Amino acid sequence: GIYASFDGVVQQRIASIGEFLSAGAPVAEIVK
């Protein structure tokens, strides 16, 4: 499970459902 580290807004969605991700791969960018 990947969780938000602080209250904010999603600035960019990077990954899509079904995509195989390696460890450390980015999923979304959040801004406060």
PDB file of all heavy atoms in Angstrom:
ATOM      1  N   GLY A   1       0.841  -1.205   0.000  1.00  0.00           N
ATOM      2  CA  GLY A   1       0.000   0.000   0.000  1.00  0.00           C
ATOM      3  C   GLY A   1       0.869   1.244   0.000  1.00  0.00           C
ATOM      4  O   GLY A   1       1.864   1.324   0.717  1.00  0.00           O
ATOM      5  N   ILE A   2       0.501   2.229  -0.822  1.00  0.00           N
ATOM      6  CA  ILE A   2       1.250   3.486  -0.945  1.00  0.00           C
ATOM      7  C   ILE A   2       0.358   4.595  -0.399  1.00  0.00           C
ATOM      8  O   ILE A   2      -0.783   4.768  -0.872  1.00  0.00           O
ATOM      9  CB  ILE A   2       1.625   3.748  -2.415  1.00  0.00           C
ATOM     10  CG1 ILE A   2       2.412   2.551  -2.958  1.00  0.00           C
ATOM     11  CG2 ILE A   2       2.436   5.029  -2.550  1.00  0.00           C
ATOM     12  CD1 ILE A   2       2.477   2.513  -4.466  1.00  0.00           C
ATOM     13  N   TYR A   3       0.864   5.368   0.566  1.00  0.00           N
ATOM     14  CA  TYR A   3       0.041   6.327   1.295  1.00  0.00           C
ATOM     15  C   TYR A   3       0.624   7.743   1.188  1.00  0.00           C
ATOM     16  O   TYR A   3       1.820   7.923   0.984  1.00  0.00           O
ATOM     17  CB  TYR A   3      -0.069   5.911   2.769  1.00  0.00           C
ATOM     18  CG  TYR A   3      -0.658   4.526   2.959  1.00  0.00           C
ATOM     19  CD1 TYR A   3       0.170   3.413   3.013  1.00  0.00           C
ATOM     20  CD2 TYR A   3      -2.026   4.353   3.050  1.00  0.00           C
ATOM     21  CE1 TYR A   3      -0.366   2.136   3.165  1.00  0.00           C
ATOM     22  CE2 TYR A   3      -2.571   3.082   3.215  1.00  0.00           C
ATOM     23  CZ  TYR A   3      -1.736   1.972   3.275  1.00  0.00           C
ATOM     24  OH  TYR A   3      -2.268   0.724   3.417  1.00  0.00           O
ATOM     25  N   ALA A   4      -0.272   8.730   1.342  1.00  0.00           N
ATOM     26  CA  ALA A   4       0.149  10.138   1.295  1.00  0.00           C
ATOM     27  C   ALA A   4       0.955  10.469   2.543  1.00  0.00           C
ATOM     28  O   ALA A   4       0.586  10.075   3.656  1.00  0.00           O
ATOM     29  CB  ALA A   4      -1.065  11.058   1.191  1.00  0.00           C
ATOM     30  N   SER A   5       2.050  11.201   2.352  1.00  0.00           N
ATOM     31  CA  SER A   5       2.916  11.547   3.467  1.00  0.00           C
ATOM     32  C   SER A   5       2.492  12.833   4.166  1.00  0.00           C
ATOM     33  O   SER A   5       2.964  13.129   5.257  1.00  0.00           O
ATOM     34  CB  SER A   5       4.364  11.683   2.982  1.00  0.00           C
ATOM     35  OG  SER A   5       4.432  12.542   1.858  1.00  0.00           O
ATOM     36  N   PHE A   6       1.612  13.641   3.538  1.00  0.00           N
ATOM     37  CA  PHE A   6       1.092  14.854   4.165  1.00  0.00           C
ATOM     38  C   PHE A   6      -0.188  15.268   3.448  1.00  0.00           C
ATOM     39  O   PHE A   6      -0.531  14.731   2.393  1.00  0.00           O
ATOM     40  CB  PHE A   6       2.125  15.997   4.117  1.00  0.00           C
ATOM     41  CG  PHE A   6       2.720  16.235   2.748  1.00  0.00           C
ATOM     42  CD1 PHE A   6       2.023  16.918   1.770  1.00  0.00           C
ATOM     43  CD2 PHE A   6       3.988  15.766   2.448  1.00  0.00           C
ATOM     44  CE1 PHE A   6       2.558  17.127   0.513  1.00  0.00           C
ATOM     45  CE2 PHE A   6       4.540  15.975   1.197  1.00  0.00           C
ATOM     46  CZ  PHE A   6       3.821  16.658   0.224  1.00  0.00           C
ATOM     47  N   ASP A   7      -0.914  16.229   4.050  1.00  0.00           N
ATOM     48  CA  ASP A   7      -2.125  16.761   3.425  1.00  0.00           C
ATOM     49  C   ASP A   7      -1.726  17.565   2.188  1.00  0.00           C
ATOM     50  O   ASP A   7      -0.822  18.409   2.252  1.00  0.00           O
ATOM     51  CB  ASP A   7      -2.882  17.666   4.391  1.00  0.00           C
ATOM     52  CG  ASP A   7      -3.370  16.914   5.615  1.00  0.00           C
ATOM     53  OD1 ASP A   7      -3.379  15.668   5.571  1.00  0.00           O
ATOM     54  OD2 ASP A   7      -3.737  17.561   6.608  1.00  0.00           O
ATOM     55  N   GLY A   8      -2.402  17.332   1.084  1.00  0.00           N
ATOM     56  CA  GLY A   8      -2.041  18.059  -0.129  1.00  0.00           C
ATOM     57  C   GLY A   8      -2.955  17.725  -1.289  1.00  0.00           C
ATOM     58  O   GLY A   8      -4.075  17.242  -1.112  1.00  0.00           O
ATOM     59  N   VAL A   9      -2.434  17.995  -2.480  1.00  0.00           N
ATOM     60  CA  VAL A   9      -3.172  17.785  -3.728  1.00  0.00           C
ATOM     61  C   VAL A   9      -2.265  17.030  -4.691  1.00  0.00           C
ATOM     62  O   VAL A   9      -1.058  17.272  -4.741  1.00  0.00           O
ATOM     63  CB  VAL A   9      -3.613  19.127  -4.348  1.00  0.00           C
ATOM     64  CG1 VAL A   9      -4.392  18.896  -5.634  1.00  0.00           C
ATOM     65  CG2 VAL A   9      -4.460  19.919  -3.367  1.00  0.00           C
ATOM     66  N   VAL A  10      -2.861  16.120  -5.460  1.00  0.00           N
ATOM     67  CA  VAL A  10      -2.092  15.364  -6.452  1.00  0.00           C
ATOM     68  C   VAL A  10      -1.789  16.283  -7.635  1.00  0.00           C
ATOM     69  O   VAL A  10      -2.697  16.762  -8.310  1.00  0.00           O
ATOM     70  CB  VAL A  10      -2.863  14.121  -6.918  1.00  0.00           C
ATOM     71  CG1 VAL A  10      -2.086  13.389  -8.010  1.00  0.00           C
ATOM     72  CG2 VAL A  10      -3.120  13.184  -5.736  1.00  0.00           C
ATOM     73  N   GLN A  11      -0.503  16.539  -7.847  1.00  0.00           N
ATOM     74  CA  GLN A  11      -0.092  17.389  -8.961  1.00  0.00           C
ATOM     75  C   GLN A  11       0.113  16.589 -10.246  1.00  0.00           C
ATOM     76  O   GLN A  11      -0.098  17.106 -11.347  1.00  0.00           O
ATOM     77  CB  GLN A  11       1.217  18.104  -8.604  1.00  0.00           C
ATOM     78  CG  GLN A  11       1.763  18.977  -9.724  1.00  0.00           C
ATOM     79  CD  GLN A  11       2.998  19.737  -9.299  1.00  0.00           C
ATOM     80  OE1 GLN A  11       2.894  20.694  -8.537  1.00  0.00           O
ATOM     81  NE2 GLN A  11       4.163  19.316  -9.761  1.00  0.00           N
ATOM     82  N   GLN A  12       0.495  15.314 -10.097  1.00  0.00           N
ATOM     83  CA  GLN A  12       0.738  14.491 -11.282  1.00  0.00           C
ATOM     84  C   GLN A  12       0.514  13.029 -10.943  1.00  0.00           C
ATOM     85  O   GLN A  12       0.961  12.539  -9.920  1.00  0.00           O
ATOM     86  CB  GLN A  12       2.172  14.706 -11.785  1.00  0.00           C
ATOM     87  CG  GLN A  12       2.478  13.947 -13.066  1.00  0.00           C
ATOM     88  CD  GLN A  12       3.912  14.145 -13.511  1.00  0.00           C
ATOM     89  OE1 GLN A  12       4.722  14.744 -12.803  1.00  0.00           O
ATOM     90  NE2 GLN A  12       4.260  13.661 -14.698  1.00  0.00           N
ATOM     91  N   ARG A  13      -0.199  12.348 -11.829  1.00  0.00           N
ATOM     92  CA  ARG A  13      -0.344  10.894 -11.719  1.00  0.00           C
ATOM     93  C   ARG A  13       0.642  10.272 -12.693  1.00  0.00           C
ATOM     94  O   ARG A  13       0.633  10.576 -13.885  1.00  0.00           O
ATOM     95  CB  ARG A  13      -1.775  10.486 -12.063  1.00  0.00           C
ATOM     96  CG  ARG A  13      -1.959   8.986 -12.187  1.00  0.00           C
ATOM     97  CD  ARG A  13      -3.393   8.630 -12.470  1.00  0.00           C
ATOM     98  NE  ARG A  13      -3.530   7.234 -12.860  1.00  0.00           N
ATOM     99  CZ  ARG A  13      -4.689   6.609 -12.996  1.00  0.00           C
ATOM    100  NH1 ARG A  13      -5.807   7.267 -12.794  1.00  0.00           N
ATOM    101  NH2 ARG A  13      -4.737   5.345 -13.351  1.00  0.00           N
ATOM    102  N   ILE A  14       1.505   9.370 -12.191  1.00  0.00           N
ATOM    103  CA  ILE A  14       2.613   8.863 -12.994  1.00  0.00           C
ATOM    104  C   ILE A  14       2.373   7.434 -13.464  1.00  0.00           C
ATOM    105  O   ILE A  14       2.697   7.094 -14.602  1.00  0.00           O
ATOM    106  CB  ILE A  14       3.926   8.949 -12.192  1.00  0.00           C
ATOM    107  CG1 ILE A  14       4.187  10.414 -11.779  1.00  0.00           C
ATOM    108  CG2 ILE A  14       5.102   8.415 -12.986  1.00  0.00           C
ATOM    109  CD1 ILE A  14       5.365  10.589 -10.855  1.00  0.00           C
ATOM    110  N   ALA A  15       1.819   6.579 -12.615  1.00  0.00           N
ATOM    111  CA  ALA A  15       1.640   5.164 -12.951  1.00  0.00           C
ATOM    112  C   ALA A  15       0.181   4.861 -13.253  1.00  0.00           C
ATOM    113  O   ALA A  15      -0.720   5.625 -12.911  1.00  0.00           O
ATOM    114  CB  ALA A  15       2.136   4.292 -11.814  1.00  0.00           C
ATOM    115  N   SER A  16      -0.047   3.711 -13.901  1.00  0.00           N
ATOM    116  CA  SER A  16      -1.395   3.285 -14.273  1.00  0.00           C
ATOM    117  C   SER A  16      -1.644   1.862 -13.784  1.00  0.00           C
ATOM    118  O   SER A  16      -0.699   1.073 -13.585  1.00  0.00           O
ATOM    119  CB  SER A  16      -1.584   3.343 -15.796  1.00  0.00           C
ATOM    120  OG  SER A  16      -1.399   4.652 -16.272  1.00  0.00           O
ATOM    121  N   ILE A  17      -2.894   1.511 -13.611  1.00  0.00           N
ATOM    122  CA  ILE A  17      -3.280   0.182 -13.145  1.00  0.00           C
ATOM    123  C   ILE A  17      -2.797  -0.866 -14.148  1.00  0.00           C
ATOM    124  O   ILE A  17      -2.916  -0.696 -15.367  1.00  0.00           O
ATOM    125  CB  ILE A  17      -4.806   0.106 -12.957  1.00  0.00           C
ATOM    126  CG1 ILE A  17      -5.238   1.030 -11.820  1.00  0.00           C
ATOM    127  CG2 ILE A  17      -5.247  -1.326 -12.671  1.00  0.00           C
ATOM    128  CD1 ILE A  17      -6.734   1.064 -11.607  1.00  0.00           C
ATOM    129  N   GLY A  18      -2.257  -1.977 -13.625  1.00  0.00           N
ATOM    130  CA  GLY A  18      -1.753  -3.054 -14.465  1.00  0.00           C
ATOM    131  C   GLY A  18      -0.287  -2.929 -14.812  1.00  0.00           C
ATOM    132  O   GLY A  18       0.315  -3.880 -15.308  1.00  0.00           O
ATOM    133  N   GLU A  19       0.309  -1.784 -14.539  1.00  0.00           N
ATOM    134  CA  GLU A  19       1.720  -1.573 -14.847  1.00  0.00           C
ATOM    135  C   GLU A  19       2.584  -2.259 -13.797  1.00  0.00           C
ATOM    136  O   GLU A  19       2.310  -2.187 -12.599  1.00  0.00           O
ATOM    137  CB  GLU A  19       1.999  -0.075 -14.878  1.00  0.00           C
ATOM    138  CG  GLU A  19       3.409   0.284 -15.268  1.00  0.00           C
ATOM    139  CD  GLU A  19       3.605   1.785 -15.345  1.00  0.00           C
ATOM    140  OE1 GLU A  19       2.608   2.527 -15.177  1.00  0.00           O
ATOM    141  OE2 GLU A  19       4.765   2.216 -15.557  1.00  0.00           O
ATOM    142  N   PHE A  20       3.657  -2.975 -14.265  1.00  0.00           N
ATOM    143  CA  PHE A  20       4.575  -3.605 -13.318  1.00  0.00           C
ATOM    144  C   PHE A  20       5.600  -2.568 -12.886  1.00  0.00           C
ATOM    145  O   PHE A  20       6.283  -1.958 -13.705  1.00  0.00           O
ATOM    146  CB  PHE A  20       5.271  -4.816 -13.935  1.00  0.00           C
ATOM    147  CG  PHE A  20       6.108  -5.578 -12.946  1.00  0.00           C
ATOM    148  CD1 PHE A  20       5.539  -6.569 -12.169  1.00  0.00           C
ATOM    149  CD2 PHE A  20       7.452  -5.285 -12.774  1.00  0.00           C
ATOM    150  CE1 PHE A  20       6.293  -7.269 -11.239  1.00  0.00           C
ATOM    151  CE2 PHE A  20       8.219  -5.975 -11.851  1.00  0.00           C
ATOM    152  CZ  PHE A  20       7.635  -6.974 -11.079  1.00  0.00           C
ATOM    153  N   LEU A  21       5.726  -2.394 -11.574  1.00  0.00           N
ATOM    154  CA  LEU A  21       6.608  -1.377 -11.018  1.00  0.00           C
ATOM    155  C   LEU A  21       7.756  -2.044 -10.276  1.00  0.00           C
ATOM    156  O   LEU A  21       7.555  -3.001  -9.527  1.00  0.00           O
ATOM    157  CB  LEU A  21       5.842  -0.471 -10.051  1.00  0.00           C
ATOM    158  CG  LEU A  21       4.613   0.243 -10.615  1.00  0.00           C
ATOM    159  CD1 LEU A  21       3.906   1.019  -9.516  1.00  0.00           C
ATOM    160  CD2 LEU A  21       4.999   1.157 -11.758  1.00  0.00           C
ATOM    161  N   SER A  22       8.945  -1.529 -10.469  1.00  0.00           N
ATOM    162  CA  SER A  22      10.086  -1.986  -9.688  1.00  0.00           C
ATOM    163  C   SER A  22      10.100  -1.250  -8.355  1.00  0.00           C
ATOM    164  O   SER A  22       9.401  -0.243  -8.175  1.00  0.00           O
ATOM    165  CB  SER A  22      11.382  -1.736 -10.453  1.00  0.00           C
ATOM    166  OG  SER A  22      11.524  -0.350 -10.741  1.00  0.00           O
ATOM    167  N   ALA A  23      10.889  -1.741  -7.415  1.00  0.00           N
ATOM    168  CA  ALA A  23      10.981  -1.086  -6.107  1.00  0.00           C
ATOM    169  C   ALA A  23      11.500   0.336  -6.283  1.00  0.00           C
ATOM    170  O   ALA A  23      12.503   0.572  -6.960  1.00  0.00           O
ATOM    171  CB  ALA A  23      11.898  -1.876  -5.189  1.00  0.00           C
ATOM    172  N   GLY A  24      10.798   1.291  -5.678  1.00  0.00           N
ATOM    173  CA  GLY A  24      11.183   2.694  -5.765  1.00  0.00           C
ATOM    174  C   GLY A  24      10.577   3.434  -6.942  1.00  0.00           C
ATOM    175  O   GLY A  24      10.833   4.641  -7.099  1.00  0.00           O
ATOM    176  N   ALA A  25       9.785   2.775  -7.778  1.00  0.00           N
ATOM    177  CA  ALA A  25       9.191   3.435  -8.938  1.00  0.00           C
ATOM    178  C   ALA A  25       8.178   4.483  -8.489  1.00  0.00           C
ATOM    179  O   ALA A  25       7.382   4.248  -7.567  1.00  0.00           O
ATOM    180  CB  ALA A  25       8.513   2.410  -9.839  1.00  0.00           C
ATOM    181  N   PRO A  26       8.155   5.680  -9.108  1.00  0.00           N
ATOM    182  CA  PRO A  26       7.204   6.729  -8.713  1.00  0.00           C
ATOM    183  C   PRO A  26       5.784   6.394  -9.146  1.00  0.00           C
ATOM    184  O   PRO A  26       5.570   5.776 -10.194  1.00  0.00           O
ATOM    185  CB  PRO A  26       7.734   7.968  -9.445  1.00  0.00           C
ATOM    186  CG  PRO A  26       8.450   7.426 -10.634  1.00  0.00           C
ATOM    187  CD  PRO A  26       9.045   6.120 -10.197  1.00  0.00           C
ATOM    188  N   VAL A  27       4.827   6.828  -8.343  1.00  0.00           N
ATOM    189  CA  VAL A  27       3.415   6.577  -8.623  1.00  0.00           C
ATOM    190  C   VAL A  27       2.652   7.885  -8.820  1.00  0.00           C
ATOM    191  O   VAL A  27       1.850   8.023  -9.741  1.00  0.00           O
ATOM    192  CB  VAL A  27       2.774   5.749  -7.486  1.00  0.00           C
ATOM    193  CG1 VAL A  27       1.276   5.619  -7.685  1.00  0.00           C
ATOM    194  CG2 VAL A  27       3.421   4.380  -7.417  1.00  0.00           C
ATOM    195  N   ALA A  28       2.890   8.877  -7.960  1.00  0.00           N
ATOM    196  CA  ALA A  28       2.190  10.157  -8.057  1.00  0.00           C
ATOM    197  C   ALA A  28       3.029  11.229  -7.369  1.00  0.00           C
ATOM    198  O   ALA A  28       3.886  10.924  -6.521  1.00  0.00           O
ATOM    199  CB  ALA A  28       0.798  10.079  -7.419  1.00  0.00           C
ATOM    200  N   GLU A  29       2.773  12.475  -7.747  1.00  0.00           N
ATOM    201  CA  GLU A  29       3.447  13.612  -7.121  1.00  0.00           C
ATOM    202  C   GLU A  29       2.418  14.430  -6.354  1.00  0.00           C
ATOM    203  O   GLU A  29       1.374  14.794  -6.900  1.00  0.00           O
ATOM    204  CB  GLU A  29       4.138  14.486  -8.161  1.00  0.00           C
ATOM    205  CG  GLU A  29       4.973  15.603  -7.547  1.00  0.00           C
ATOM    206  CD  GLU A  29       5.768  16.387  -8.573  1.00  0.00           C
ATOM    207  OE1 GLU A  29       5.729  16.005  -9.763  1.00  0.00           O
ATOM    208  OE2 GLU A  29       6.423  17.371  -8.188  1.00  0.00           O
ATOM    209  N   ILE A  30       2.713  14.699  -5.090  1.00  0.00           N
ATOM    210  CA  ILE A  30       1.789  15.406  -4.204  1.00  0.00           C
ATOM    211  C   ILE A  30       2.429  16.721  -3.773  1.00  0.00           C
ATOM    212  O   ILE A  30       3.629  16.769  -3.484  1.00  0.00           O
ATOM    213  CB  ILE A  30       1.443  14.557  -2.966  1.00  0.00           C
ATOM    214  CG1 ILE A  30       0.802  13.235  -3.400  1.00  0.00           C
ATOM    215  CG2 ILE A  30       0.510  15.298  -2.023  1.00  0.00           C
ATOM    216  CD1 ILE A  30       0.542  12.293  -2.254  1.00  0.00           C
ATOM    217  N   VAL A  31       1.631  17.784  -3.742  1.00  0.00           N
ATOM    218  CA  VAL A  31       2.120  19.086  -3.280  1.00  0.00           C
ATOM    219  C   VAL A  31       1.228  19.583  -2.147  1.00  0.00           C
ATOM    220  O   VAL A  31       0.025  19.330  -2.135  1.00  0.00           O
ATOM    221  CB  VAL A  31       2.149  20.128  -4.424  1.00  0.00           C
ATOM    222  CG1 VAL A  31       3.163  19.744  -5.470  1.00  0.00           C
ATOM    223  CG2 VAL A  31       0.772  20.284  -5.064  1.00  0.00           C
ATOM    224  N   LYS A  32       1.844  20.281  -1.210  1.00  0.00           N
ATOM    225  CA  LYS A  32       1.113  20.922  -0.113  1.00  0.00           C
ATOM    226  C   LYS A  32       0.950  22.390  -0.462  1.00  0.00           C
ATOM    227  O   LYS A  32       1.936  23.099  -0.676  1.00  0.00           O
ATOM    228  CB  LYS A  32       1.876  20.771   1.201  1.00  0.00           C
ATOM    229  CG  LYS A  32       1.152  21.345   2.409  1.00  0.00           C
ATOM    230  CD  LYS A  32       1.936  21.086   3.675  1.00  0.00           C
ATOM    231  CE  LYS A  32       1.206  21.622   4.902  1.00  0.00           C
ATOM    232  NZ  LYS A  32       1.947  21.343   6.152  1.00  0.00           N
TER     233      LYS A  32
END
